[in-house]
Amino acid sequence: FQIDMGNPAKSTHFGRPFYKMPKELIGYYKYKAGEKFQDKDKKDIKGRKDSLAIYAVLFETGDGVEYLDGTNSLTSDRIVLLAQLKNAKETDEWTRFSISFEPVAGRTIDSEKLKMGKYSLAIIMSSSKDGAFFNGAVGSTLYVDELKLYSE
């Protein structure tokens, strides 16, 4: 682990080797957005509200790529499958979610590479969707519970 002071989002390392085909991520969340949305320079952005992020990616490793980071966890061309919670709302009640893994850009899993551990899985959850870029609201709070990952 090494901190990149010039680009802190690159300091995070997402992904662990995964040998199965992920199908679905299920759990419960509670979410409350902070009051004032600010950009990375701590300037208030009027009219913008913070939002959460809950997603998981299966990505191919190799050729010097062993993990994803805060700059590419949703955009890397190595991502083969994505499960992403959309249209999440603020709630004080535990709210169930169920998100299925879907292929990205027509990519497919190579079953031999899967057996050899050439794919990694990352599950990312944040109270500020753009927190990796220091955009969000101070005080945003995300609770998650009873996570289950189904695979075959």
C-alpha atoms as a PDB file:
ATOM      1  CA  PHE A   1       0.000   0.000   0.000  1.00  0.00           C
ATOM      2  CA  GLN A   2       1.391   3.369  -1.010  1.00  0.00           C
ATOM      3  CA  ILE A   3      -0.308   6.745  -0.751  1.00  0.00           C
ATOM      4  CA  ASP A   4      -0.304   8.818  -3.931  1.00  0.00           C
ATOM      5  CA  MET A   5      -0.449  12.379  -2.624  1.00  0.00           C
ATOM      6  CA  GLY A   6      -0.841  13.764  -6.146  1.00  0.00           C
ATOM      7  CA  ASN A   7      -3.866  11.580  -6.827  1.00  0.00           C
ATOM      8  CA  PRO A   8      -5.242  10.040  -3.594  1.00  0.00           C
ATOM      9  CA  ALA A   9      -7.961   8.103  -5.465  1.00  0.00           C
ATOM     10  CA  LYS A  10      -5.172   5.930  -6.918  1.00  0.00           C
ATOM     11  CA  SER A  11      -4.138   4.919  -3.380  1.00  0.00           C
ATOM     12  CA  THR A  12      -7.106   2.592  -2.913  1.00  0.00           C
ATOM     13  CA  HIS A  13      -6.661  -0.965  -4.156  1.00  0.00           C
ATOM     14  CA  PHE A  14      -9.895  -2.812  -4.926  1.00  0.00           C
ATOM     15  CA  GLY A  15     -10.246  -6.507  -5.689  1.00  0.00           C
ATOM     16  CA  ARG A  16      -9.497  -9.979  -4.376  1.00  0.00           C
ATOM     17  CA  PRO A  17      -8.980 -13.082  -6.526  1.00  0.00           C
ATOM     18  CA  PHE A  18     -12.300 -14.780  -7.241  1.00  0.00           C
ATOM     19  CA  TYR A  19     -12.825 -18.245  -8.698  1.00  0.00           C
ATOM     20  CA  LYS A  20     -16.590 -18.346  -9.215  1.00  0.00           C
ATOM     21  CA  MET A  21     -19.132 -16.617 -11.421  1.00  0.00           C
ATOM     22  CA  PRO A  22     -20.849 -13.919  -9.302  1.00  0.00           C
ATOM     23  CA  LYS A  23     -24.592 -13.733  -9.877  1.00  0.00           C
ATOM     24  CA  GLU A  24     -26.184 -11.392  -7.336  1.00  0.00           C
ATOM     25  CA  LEU A  25     -25.372  -9.133  -4.380  1.00  0.00           C
ATOM     26  CA  ILE A  26     -28.126  -8.745  -1.793  1.00  0.00           C
ATOM     27  CA  GLY A  27     -28.278  -6.713   1.393  1.00  0.00           C
ATOM     28  CA  TYR A  28     -29.936  -3.906   3.311  1.00  0.00           C
ATOM     29  CA  TYR A  29     -29.014  -0.245   3.593  1.00  0.00           C
ATOM     30  CA  LYS A  30     -29.957   2.951   5.402  1.00  0.00           C
ATOM     31  CA  TYR A  31     -28.800   6.260   3.967  1.00  0.00           C
ATOM     32  CA  LYS A  32     -28.824   9.915   4.929  1.00  0.00           C
ATOM     33  CA  ALA A  33     -27.145  12.558   2.752  1.00  0.00           C
ATOM     34  CA  GLY A  34     -25.218  15.347   4.435  1.00  0.00           C
ATOM     35  CA  GLU A  35     -26.633  18.859   4.299  1.00  0.00           C
ATOM     36  CA  LYS A  36     -24.209  20.727   2.018  1.00  0.00           C
ATOM     37  CA  PHE A  37     -22.652  19.225  -1.097  1.00  0.00           C
ATOM     38  CA  GLN A  38     -19.092  20.428  -1.615  1.00  0.00           C
ATOM     39  CA  ASP A  39     -16.546  19.978  -4.363  1.00  0.00           C
ATOM     40  CA  LYS A  40     -12.910  19.010  -3.796  1.00  0.00           C
ATOM     41  CA  ASP A  41     -12.059  22.641  -3.056  1.00  0.00           C
ATOM     42  CA  LYS A  42     -14.718  22.687  -0.301  1.00  0.00           C
ATOM     43  CA  LYS A  43     -16.941  25.049  -2.287  1.00  0.00           C
ATOM     44  CA  ASP A  44     -20.670  24.582  -1.709  1.00  0.00           C
ATOM     45  CA  ILE A  45     -22.507  23.402  -4.815  1.00  0.00           C
ATOM     46  CA  LYS A  46     -26.039  24.750  -4.566  1.00  0.00           C
ATOM     47  CA  GLY A  47     -28.837  22.464  -5.714  1.00  0.00           C
ATOM     48  CA  ARG A  48     -26.732  19.297  -5.691  1.00  0.00           C
ATOM     49  CA  LYS A  49     -27.441  16.504  -3.225  1.00  0.00           C
ATOM     50  CA  ASP A  50     -25.067  13.741  -2.237  1.00  0.00           C
ATOM     51  CA  SER A  51     -25.891  10.160  -3.196  1.00  0.00           C
ATOM     52  CA  LEU A  52     -24.593   6.749  -2.209  1.00  0.00           C
ATOM     53  CA  ALA A  53     -22.757   4.132  -4.225  1.00  0.00           C
ATOM     54  CA  ILE A  54     -23.155   0.384  -3.870  1.00  0.00           C
ATOM     55  CA  TYR A  55     -21.663  -1.735  -6.629  1.00  0.00           C
ATOM     56  CA  ALA A  56     -19.518  -4.771  -7.341  1.00  0.00           C
ATOM     57  CA  VAL A  57     -17.279  -5.569 -10.286  1.00  0.00           C
ATOM     58  CA  LEU A  58     -15.579  -8.694 -11.549  1.00  0.00           C
ATOM     59  CA  PHE A  59     -12.485  -7.750 -13.521  1.00  0.00           C
ATOM     60  CA  GLU A  60      -9.699  -9.524 -15.351  1.00  0.00           C
ATOM     61  CA  THR A  61      -6.217  -9.288 -13.868  1.00  0.00           C
ATOM     62  CA  GLY A  62      -2.819  -9.729 -15.493  1.00  0.00           C
ATOM     63  CA  ASP A  63      -0.491  -7.661 -17.664  1.00  0.00           C
ATOM     64  CA  GLY A  64       0.446  -5.585 -14.613  1.00  0.00           C
ATOM     65  CA  VAL A  65      -3.152  -4.989 -13.519  1.00  0.00           C
ATOM     66  CA  GLU A  66      -3.845  -6.727 -10.202  1.00  0.00           C
ATOM     67  CA  TYR A  67      -6.378  -4.292  -8.725  1.00  0.00           C
ATOM     68  CA  LEU A  68      -8.636  -1.356  -9.554  1.00  0.00           C
ATOM     69  CA  ASP A  69      -8.551   1.968  -7.722  1.00  0.00           C
ATOM     70  CA  GLY A  70     -10.755   4.981  -7.053  1.00  0.00           C
ATOM     71  CA  THR A  71     -10.088   6.400 -10.516  1.00  0.00           C
ATOM     72  CA  ASN A  72     -11.207   3.375 -12.531  1.00  0.00           C
ATOM     73  CA  SER A  73     -13.418   1.140 -10.373  1.00  0.00           C
ATOM     74  CA  LEU A  74     -16.359   1.771 -12.729  1.00  0.00           C
ATOM     75  CA  THR A  75     -14.546   2.668 -15.952  1.00  0.00           C
ATOM     76  CA  SER A  76     -11.719   0.161 -16.441  1.00  0.00           C
ATOM     77  CA  ASP A  77     -11.824  -1.811 -19.675  1.00  0.00           C
ATOM     78  CA  ARG A  78     -10.865  -4.819 -17.514  1.00  0.00           C
ATOM     79  CA  ILE A  79     -14.342  -4.930 -15.928  1.00  0.00           C
ATOM     80  CA  VAL A  80     -16.285  -7.920 -17.235  1.00  0.00           C
ATOM     81  CA  LEU A  81     -19.335  -7.943 -14.923  1.00  0.00           C
ATOM     82  CA  LEU A  82     -21.015  -5.126 -12.987  1.00  0.00           C
ATOM     83  CA  ALA A  83     -23.744  -5.155 -10.328  1.00  0.00           C
ATOM     84  CA  GLN A  84     -24.806  -1.606  -9.434  1.00  0.00           C
ATOM     85  CA  LEU A  85     -27.560  -0.210  -7.226  1.00  0.00           C
ATOM     86  CA  LYS A  86     -29.414   2.524  -9.075  1.00  0.00           C
ATOM     87  CA  ASN A  87     -32.035   4.983  -7.861  1.00  0.00           C
ATOM     88  CA  ALA A  88     -31.219   4.496  -4.182  1.00  0.00           C
ATOM     89  CA  LYS A  89     -33.015   6.923  -1.900  1.00  0.00           C
ATOM     90  CA  GLU A  90     -32.505   8.387   1.536  1.00  0.00           C
ATOM     91  CA  THR A  91     -34.187   6.224   4.135  1.00  0.00           C
ATOM     92  CA  ASP A  92     -34.218   5.805   7.903  1.00  0.00           C
ATOM     93  CA  GLU A  93     -35.562   2.271   7.466  1.00  0.00           C
ATOM     94  CA  TRP A  94     -33.539  -0.766   6.482  1.00  0.00           C
ATOM     95  CA  THR A  95     -34.142  -1.092   2.751  1.00  0.00           C
ATOM     96  CA  ARG A  96     -33.467  -4.335   0.903  1.00  0.00           C
ATOM     97  CA  PHE A  97     -31.502  -4.283  -2.328  1.00  0.00           C
ATOM     98  CA  SER A  98     -30.781  -7.018  -4.829  1.00  0.00           C
ATOM     99  CA  ILE A  99     -28.435  -6.297  -7.724  1.00  0.00           C
ATOM    100  CA  SER A 100     -27.548  -8.764 -10.463  1.00  0.00           C
ATOM    101  CA  PHE A 101     -24.209  -8.945 -12.221  1.00  0.00           C
ATOM    102  CA  GLU A 102     -24.481  -7.954 -15.867  1.00  0.00           C
ATOM    103  CA  PRO A 103     -21.885  -8.133 -18.662  1.00  0.00           C
ATOM    104  CA  VAL A 104     -20.105  -4.884 -19.495  1.00  0.00           C
ATOM    105  CA  ALA A 105     -19.608  -3.890 -23.147  1.00  0.00           C
ATOM    106  CA  GLY A 106     -20.304  -7.425 -24.387  1.00  0.00           C
ATOM    107  CA  ARG A 107     -17.363  -8.893 -22.449  1.00  0.00           C
ATOM    108  CA  THR A 108     -17.476 -12.534 -21.380  1.00  0.00           C
ATOM    109  CA  ILE A 109     -15.825 -14.720 -18.735  1.00  0.00           C
ATOM    110  CA  ASP A 110     -13.143 -17.169 -19.841  1.00  0.00           C
ATOM    111  CA  SER A 111     -13.870 -20.258 -17.704  1.00  0.00           C
ATOM    112  CA  GLU A 112     -10.230 -21.419 -17.783  1.00  0.00           C
ATOM    113  CA  LYS A 113      -8.965 -18.043 -16.574  1.00  0.00           C
ATOM    114  CA  LEU A 114     -11.640 -18.075 -13.866  1.00  0.00           C
ATOM    115  CA  LYS A 115     -10.382 -21.462 -12.604  1.00  0.00           C
ATOM    116  CA  MET A 116      -6.816 -20.102 -12.584  1.00  0.00           C
ATOM    117  CA  GLY A 117      -7.749 -17.060 -10.487  1.00  0.00           C
ATOM    118  CA  LYS A 118      -7.249 -14.519 -13.265  1.00  0.00           C
ATOM    119  CA  TYR A 119     -10.301 -12.512 -12.184  1.00  0.00           C
ATOM    120  CA  SER A 120     -10.804 -10.416  -9.071  1.00  0.00           C
ATOM    121  CA  LEU A 121     -13.957  -9.219  -7.353  1.00  0.00           C
ATOM    122  CA  ALA A 122     -14.375  -5.805  -5.750  1.00  0.00           C
ATOM    123  CA  ILE A 123     -17.387  -4.690  -3.702  1.00  0.00           C
ATOM    124  CA  ILE A 124     -17.500  -0.931  -3.221  1.00  0.00           C
ATOM    125  CA  MET A 125     -19.857   1.002  -0.967  1.00  0.00           C
ATOM    126  CA  SER A 126     -19.651   4.690  -0.194  1.00  0.00           C
ATOM    127  CA  SER A 127     -21.838   7.316   1.451  1.00  0.00           C
ATOM    128  CA  SER A 128     -20.665   9.733  -1.265  1.00  0.00           C
ATOM    129  CA  LYS A 129     -20.796   8.425  -4.829  1.00  0.00           C
ATOM    130  CA  ASP A 130     -18.058  10.859  -5.890  1.00  0.00           C
ATOM    131  CA  GLY A 131     -16.108  10.610  -2.646  1.00  0.00           C
ATOM    132  CA  ALA A 132     -13.015   9.220  -4.384  1.00  0.00           C
ATOM    133  CA  PHE A 133     -12.688  12.628  -6.029  1.00  0.00           C
ATOM    134  CA  PHE A 134     -13.421  14.496  -2.771  1.00  0.00           C
ATOM    135  CA  ASN A 135     -16.868  15.599  -3.917  1.00  0.00           C
ATOM    136  CA  GLY A 136     -19.717  15.012  -1.481  1.00  0.00           C
ATOM    137  CA  ALA A 137     -21.435  16.195   1.658  1.00  0.00           C
ATOM    138  CA  VAL A 138     -19.825  16.091   5.071  1.00  0.00           C
ATOM    139  CA  GLY A 139     -22.034  13.979   7.306  1.00  0.00           C
ATOM    140  CA  SER A 140     -23.422  11.654   4.631  1.00  0.00           C
ATOM    141  CA  THR A 141     -23.990   8.296   6.301  1.00  0.00           C
ATOM    142  CA  LEU A 142     -24.450   4.857   4.765  1.00  0.00           C
ATOM    143  CA  TYR A 143     -25.164   1.749   6.825  1.00  0.00           C
ATOM    144  CA  VAL A 144     -25.173  -1.708   5.223  1.00  0.00           C
ATOM    145  CA  ASP A 145     -26.123  -5.037   6.746  1.00  0.00           C
ATOM    146  CA  GLU A 146     -26.697  -8.687   5.903  1.00  0.00           C
ATOM    147  CA  LEU A 147     -24.684  -8.691   2.673  1.00  0.00           C
ATOM    148  CA  LYS A 148     -24.885 -11.891   0.665  1.00  0.00           C
ATOM    149  CA  LEU A 149     -23.011 -12.631  -2.519  1.00  0.00           C
ATOM    150  CA  TYR A 150     -24.399 -15.429  -4.649  1.00  0.00           C
ATOM    151  CA  SER A 151     -22.175 -17.138  -7.193  1.00  0.00           C
ATOM    152  CA  GLU A 152     -21.867 -20.385  -9.105  1.00  0.00           C
END
